[in-house]
Protein backbone atom coordinates (compact mmCIF):
# COMPACT_ATOMS: atom_id res chain seq x y z
CA UNK A 1 -9.70 21.21 7.29
CA UNK A 2 -11.84 20.43 4.26
CA UNK A 3 -12.60 16.74 3.85
CA UNK A 4 -14.17 14.43 1.29
CA UNK A 5 -16.03 11.19 1.85
CA UNK A 6 -14.99 7.83 0.45
CA UNK A 7 -16.45 4.36 0.50
CA UNK A 8 -13.66 1.78 0.67
CA UNK A 9 -13.44 -1.95 1.03
CA UNK A 10 -13.05 -5.27 -0.69
CA UNK A 11 -14.79 -8.58 -1.31
CA UNK A 12 -13.06 -11.96 -1.69
CA UNK A 13 -14.87 -14.99 -3.11
CA UNK A 14 -13.04 -18.29 -2.59
CA UNK A 15 -13.73 -21.92 -3.35
CA UNK A 16 -12.00 -24.29 -0.92
CA UNK A 17 -11.74 -28.07 -0.96
CA UNK A 18 -11.28 -28.26 2.81
CA UNK A 19 -11.76 -25.93 5.80
CA UNK A 20 -8.80 -23.54 5.50
CA UNK A 21 -7.22 -21.35 8.21
CA UNK A 22 -7.10 -17.81 6.82
CA UNK A 23 -5.73 -14.39 7.77
CA UNK A 24 -7.21 -11.30 6.07
CA UNK A 25 -5.68 -7.83 6.29
CA UNK A 26 -7.91 -5.46 4.30
CA UNK A 27 -9.29 -3.24 7.07
CA UNK A 28 -8.07 0.37 7.14
CA UNK A 29 -6.35 1.86 10.17
CA UNK A 30 -9.22 3.54 12.00
CA UNK A 31 -7.05 5.91 14.02
CA UNK A 32 -5.68 7.64 10.89
CA UNK A 33 -8.92 8.78 9.24
CA UNK A 34 -12.38 9.74 10.45
CA UNK A 35 -14.51 6.61 10.15
CA UNK A 36 -18.25 7.11 9.75
CA UNK A 37 -19.10 3.42 9.52
CA UNK A 38 -17.35 0.11 8.97
CA UNK A 39 -18.04 -3.59 9.14
CA UNK A 40 -17.53 -7.11 7.85
CA UNK A 41 -20.00 -9.51 6.24
CA UNK A 42 -19.52 -13.16 5.33
CA UNK A 43 -21.48 -15.77 3.36
CA UNK A 44 -22.04 -18.24 4.92
CA UNK A 45 -21.66 -16.97 8.48
CA UNK A 46 -18.00 -17.25 9.51
CA UNK A 47 -16.69 -16.58 13.00
CA UNK A 48 -13.88 -14.02 12.84
CA UNK A 49 -11.45 -12.88 15.52
CA UNK A 50 -9.02 -9.96 15.54
CA UNK A 51 -5.27 -10.46 15.51
CA UNK A 52 -2.40 -7.97 15.69
CA UNK A 53 0.97 -8.61 14.07
CA UNK A 54 4.50 -7.52 15.01
CA UNK A 55 4.05 -4.14 13.30
CA UNK A 56 0.75 -3.24 14.95
CA UNK A 57 -1.34 -4.12 11.89
CA UNK A 58 -4.78 -5.53 12.67
CA UNK A 59 -6.38 -8.29 10.65
CA UNK A 60 -9.04 -10.98 10.88
CA UNK A 61 -8.41 -14.64 11.62
CA UNK A 62 -10.93 -17.32 10.65
CA UNK A 63 -11.54 -20.74 9.14
CA UNK A 64 -12.66 -20.55 5.52
CA UNK A 65 -15.30 -23.28 5.09
CA UNK A 66 -15.19 -25.94 2.41
CA UNK A 67 -17.07 -24.92 -0.71
CA UNK A 68 -17.73 -21.38 -1.94
CA UNK A 69 -17.58 -18.51 0.53
CA UNK A 70 -17.36 -14.71 0.54
CA UNK A 71 -15.91 -12.30 3.06
CA UNK A 72 -16.25 -8.56 2.62
CA UNK A 73 -15.09 -5.40 4.39
CA UNK A 74 -16.70 -2.02 3.80
CA UNK A 75 -16.20 1.40 5.40
CA UNK A 76 -17.23 5.00 4.87
CA UNK A 77 -14.46 7.44 5.81
CA UNK A 78 -13.54 11.09 5.57
CA UNK A 79 -10.12 12.07 4.20
CA UNK A 80 -8.42 15.46 3.89
CA UNK A 81 -9.04 17.28 0.62
CA UNK A 82 -5.28 17.77 0.28
CA UNK A 83 -2.35 15.99 -1.30
CA UNK A 84 0.28 14.12 0.72
CA UNK A 85 2.38 16.37 2.91
CA UNK A 86 5.93 17.22 1.83
CA UNK A 87 8.98 19.10 3.11
CA UNK A 88 11.77 19.60 0.59
CA UNK A 89 14.15 20.42 3.43
CA UNK A 90 13.39 17.38 5.61
CA UNK A 91 16.85 16.02 6.53
CA UNK A 92 18.17 12.47 6.42
CA UNK A 93 19.37 11.50 9.89
CA UNK A 94 22.61 9.69 10.63
CA UNK A 95 21.95 6.06 11.48
CA UNK A 96 23.28 6.65 14.99
CA UNK A 97 20.52 9.24 15.56
CA UNK A 98 17.56 7.15 14.36
CA UNK A 99 14.91 5.97 16.86
CA UNK A 100 15.19 2.27 17.69
CA UNK A 101 11.80 1.40 16.21
CA UNK A 102 12.92 2.83 12.84
CA UNK A 103 16.09 0.74 12.54
CA UNK A 104 14.41 -2.44 11.15
CA UNK A 105 13.45 -0.46 8.05
CA UNK A 106 17.12 -0.12 7.12
CA UNK A 107 17.68 -3.87 6.73
CA UNK A 108 17.39 -5.94 3.55
CA UNK A 109 14.25 -8.05 3.39
CA UNK A 110 12.88 -10.79 1.17
CA UNK A 111 11.55 -8.48 -1.56
CA UNK A 112 13.80 -5.47 -0.93
CA UNK A 113 17.39 -6.65 -1.34
CA UNK A 114 19.11 -3.38 -0.55
CA UNK A 115 22.41 -5.24 -0.09
CA UNK A 116 22.26 -6.51 -3.70
CA UNK A 117 21.36 -3.06 -5.09
CA UNK A 118 23.78 -1.14 -2.86
CA UNK A 119 26.43 -0.47 -5.49
CA UNK A 120 23.84 0.68 -8.04
CA UNK A 121 22.19 2.94 -5.49
CA UNK A 122 25.40 4.68 -4.50
CA UNK A 123 26.49 5.07 -8.13
CA UNK A 124 23.13 6.64 -9.00
CA UNK A 125 22.42 8.78 -5.94
CA UNK A 126 25.62 8.99 -3.89
CA UNK A 127 26.52 12.49 -5.10
CA UNK A 128 23.13 13.97 -4.16
CA UNK A 129 22.47 15.94 -0.98
CA UNK A 130 20.86 13.63 1.61
CA UNK A 131 17.25 14.39 2.49
CA UNK A 132 13.83 14.72 0.94
CA UNK A 133 15.13 15.78 -2.49
CA UNK A 134 17.26 12.66 -2.75
CA UNK A 135 14.16 10.56 -2.08
CA UNK A 136 12.35 12.47 -4.82
CA UNK A 137 15.15 11.61 -7.24
CA UNK A 138 14.97 7.94 -6.27
CA UNK A 139 11.21 8.00 -6.86
CA UNK A 140 11.72 9.71 -10.23
CA UNK A 141 14.26 7.06 -11.20
CA UNK A 142 12.06 4.10 -10.21
CA UNK A 143 9.01 5.58 -11.92
CA UNK A 144 10.97 5.99 -15.15
CA UNK A 145 12.99 2.75 -15.02
CA UNK A 146 10.26 0.29 -13.90
CA UNK A 147 7.34 0.39 -16.33
CA UNK A 148 4.00 -0.31 -14.69
CA UNK A 149 2.29 -3.32 -16.30
CA UNK A 150 -0.98 -4.56 -14.82
CA UNK A 151 -0.79 -8.21 -13.76
CA UNK A 152 2.73 -8.64 -15.13
CA UNK A 153 4.47 -10.27 -12.14
CA UNK A 154 4.00 -13.08 -9.64
CA UNK A 155 4.60 -13.38 -5.90
CA UNK A 156 8.27 -14.37 -6.29
CA UNK A 157 9.19 -11.14 -8.17
CA UNK A 158 11.53 -8.88 -6.16
CA UNK A 159 13.07 -5.42 -6.28
CA UNK A 160 16.14 -6.87 -8.01
CA UNK A 161 13.91 -8.45 -10.67
CA UNK A 162 12.08 -5.17 -11.25
CA UNK A 163 15.32 -3.16 -11.34
CA UNK A 164 16.92 -5.54 -13.86
CA UNK A 165 13.85 -6.26 -16.04
CA UNK A 166 12.34 -2.77 -16.05
CA UNK A 167 8.69 -3.63 -15.42
CA UNK A 168 6.33 -4.59 -12.62
CA UNK A 169 3.16 -3.74 -10.71
CA UNK A 170 2.77 -1.14 -7.96
CA UNK A 171 4.12 -3.60 -5.38
CA UNK A 172 7.31 -3.98 -7.42
CA UNK A 173 7.84 -0.24 -7.85
CA UNK A 174 7.40 0.16 -4.09
CA UNK A 175 9.90 -2.62 -3.37
CA UNK A 176 12.47 -1.14 -5.75
CA UNK A 177 12.16 2.34 -4.23
CA UNK A 178 12.46 0.89 -0.72
CA UNK A 179 15.52 -1.19 -1.58
CA UNK A 180 17.33 1.79 -3.13
CA UNK A 181 16.46 4.02 -0.16
CA UNK A 182 17.69 1.46 2.38
CA UNK A 183 20.90 1.05 0.40
CA UNK A 184 21.42 4.80 1.00
CA UNK A 185 20.73 4.37 4.75
CA UNK A 186 17.27 5.93 4.42
CA UNK A 187 14.67 4.06 6.50
CA UNK A 188 11.85 3.01 4.17
CA UNK A 189 8.79 0.84 4.67
CA UNK A 190 6.10 -0.77 2.54
CA UNK A 191 2.47 0.34 2.83
CA UNK A 192 -0.60 -1.52 1.65
CA UNK A 193 -3.74 0.54 1.26
CA UNK A 194 -6.51 2.09 -0.76
CA UNK A 195 -6.10 4.95 -3.23
CA UNK A 196 -9.05 6.64 -4.98
CA UNK A 197 -8.92 8.52 -8.27
CA UNK A 198 -9.43 11.89 -6.57
CA UNK A 199 -8.87 14.87 -8.88
CA UNK A 200 -6.99 12.73 -11.39
CA UNK A 201 -8.27 11.00 -14.54
CA UNK A 202 -9.56 7.54 -13.52
CA UNK A 203 -7.41 4.65 -14.71
CA UNK A 204 -8.98 2.44 -17.43
CA UNK A 205 -8.64 -0.72 -15.31
CA UNK A 206 -10.55 -2.25 -12.41
CA UNK A 207 -9.87 -0.72 -9.00
CA UNK A 208 -7.31 -2.65 -6.96
CA UNK A 209 -5.43 -2.36 -3.70
CA UNK A 210 -2.44 -0.05 -3.86
CA UNK A 211 1.15 -0.36 -2.66
CA UNK A 212 3.07 2.77 -1.73
CA UNK A 213 5.88 3.67 0.66
CA UNK A 214 6.98 5.82 3.57
CA UNK A 215 10.47 7.12 4.37
CA UNK A 216 11.74 8.44 7.69
CA UNK A 217 13.29 11.92 7.44
CA UNK A 218 13.70 14.44 10.23
CA UNK A 219 11.37 13.31 12.96
CA UNK A 220 8.56 11.62 10.99
CA UNK A 221 7.49 9.39 8.12
CA UNK A 222 6.68 10.84 4.67
CA UNK A 223 4.58 9.25 1.91
CA UNK A 224 6.15 8.46 -1.46
CA UNK A 225 4.27 6.73 -4.27
CA UNK A 226 6.70 5.70 -7.04
CA UNK A 227 3.90 4.10 -9.07
CA UNK A 228 2.32 7.51 -9.71
CA UNK A 229 5.35 9.60 -8.74
CA UNK A 230 3.10 12.39 -7.54
CA UNK A 231 1.60 13.58 -4.29
CA UNK A 232 -1.96 12.30 -4.31
CA UNK A 233 -5.16 12.75 -2.34
CA UNK A 234 -6.69 9.92 -0.36
CA UNK A 235 -3.90 7.47 0.50
CA UNK A 236 -5.53 5.24 3.13
CA UNK A 237 -3.34 2.81 5.07
CA UNK A 238 -4.25 -0.83 5.69
CA UNK A 239 -0.89 -2.08 6.93
CA UNK A 240 2.81 -1.26 7.12
CA UNK A 241 5.86 -3.50 7.14
CA UNK A 242 9.28 -4.28 5.70
CA UNK A 243 7.79 -5.44 2.40
CA UNK A 244 4.73 -7.23 0.96
CA UNK A 245 5.38 -10.29 3.14
CA UNK A 246 4.37 -8.30 6.21
CA UNK A 247 1.35 -6.75 4.48
CA UNK A 248 -0.26 -9.74 2.78
CA UNK A 249 -3.92 -9.01 2.06
CA UNK A 250 -4.97 -12.64 2.42
CA UNK A 251 -2.93 -15.54 3.77
CA UNK A 252 -4.45 -19.00 3.39
CA UNK A 253 -2.95 -22.12 4.94
CA UNK A 254 -4.15 -24.31 2.11
CA UNK A 255 -4.85 -23.83 -1.58
CA UNK A 256 -8.34 -22.36 -2.11
CA UNK A 257 -9.21 -20.89 -5.49
CA UNK A 258 -9.72 -17.13 -5.49
CA UNK A 259 -12.74 -16.91 -7.78
CA UNK A 260 -13.26 -13.15 -7.58
CA UNK A 261 -11.85 -10.09 -5.82
CA UNK A 262 -13.55 -6.70 -5.94
CA UNK A 263 -11.97 -3.53 -4.50
CA UNK A 264 -13.93 -0.33 -3.92
CA UNK A 265 -12.27 3.05 -3.37
CA UNK A 266 -14.68 5.71 -4.55
CA UNK A 267 -16.11 9.06 -3.49
CA UNK A 268 -19.53 8.78 -1.92
CA UNK A 269 -21.99 10.50 0.34
CA UNK A 270 -21.97 9.80 4.07
CA UNK A 271 -24.42 6.92 3.61
CA UNK A 272 -22.00 5.17 1.25
CA UNK A 273 -23.84 5.92 -2.00
CA UNK A 274 -21.20 6.27 -4.72
CA UNK A 275 -20.98 9.60 -6.53
CA UNK A 276 -20.71 10.09 -10.27
CA UNK A 277 -17.27 11.40 -11.25
CA UNK A 278 -16.17 13.40 -14.28
CA UNK A 279 -13.15 12.63 -16.45
CA UNK A 280 -10.86 14.36 -13.96
CA UNK A 281 -11.94 12.34 -10.93
CA UNK A 282 -14.16 15.07 -9.48
CA UNK A 283 -17.75 14.58 -8.31
CA UNK A 284 -20.34 15.68 -10.85
CA UNK A 285 -22.46 18.41 -9.36
CA UNK A 286 -26.18 17.57 -9.54
């Protein structure tokens, strides 16, 4: 399989009044891509320990010192030079036939109130044949109904808010898609990750983390990205859960000021040197 190399990672600069217990979940899942190198750096030196949550996501646990501090994760990885897999004939299973570990992704959650949106979901999609194509129609609907607006919503904003107001950020489009799928008895989960501008025109905004989704059809999970509503190259998973609560990038048990966050998701050579890209997101040949 042909692959391409990416440098991914993020840097957080905080200013804290007091030592602050912190959880950071910005490290990619190493078992899902080929990792050439990876590591953490902190300024000043901060002792970090690994922790694993209920969903198998791995993060770092540490005490953020008083004053200004920086923690950064960086990795060089290889990803397939191919768009997300798809199967138009992948079937939706009856609830009685779903594996036990999939069942929690049918339930309403804090940001994905599938019970509230149930009537709307069945009115919109109830006449469609269950399966992959129905999920495509739900993604089409969310992409068209919920306008993407950078920085437009806050942490309290839910799928119901996005559905009713018609705007949000990628997290909100993901939550809305998930809630509508669950209302149709389709297991759906939230994914936090990195997404490069591979073979697409780069967006005219700073790189950020990306929220997308996965649905369980047939015997596996399939990627859907209602923000872009297209199969893309380079989706890299950080964490999975019921919604953004389970996939928080940084959780601080205090109130430090986030002075600066920088996210890197860019094609590079194997040493991590970033490549120049053309207007279509392809490396410029030297």
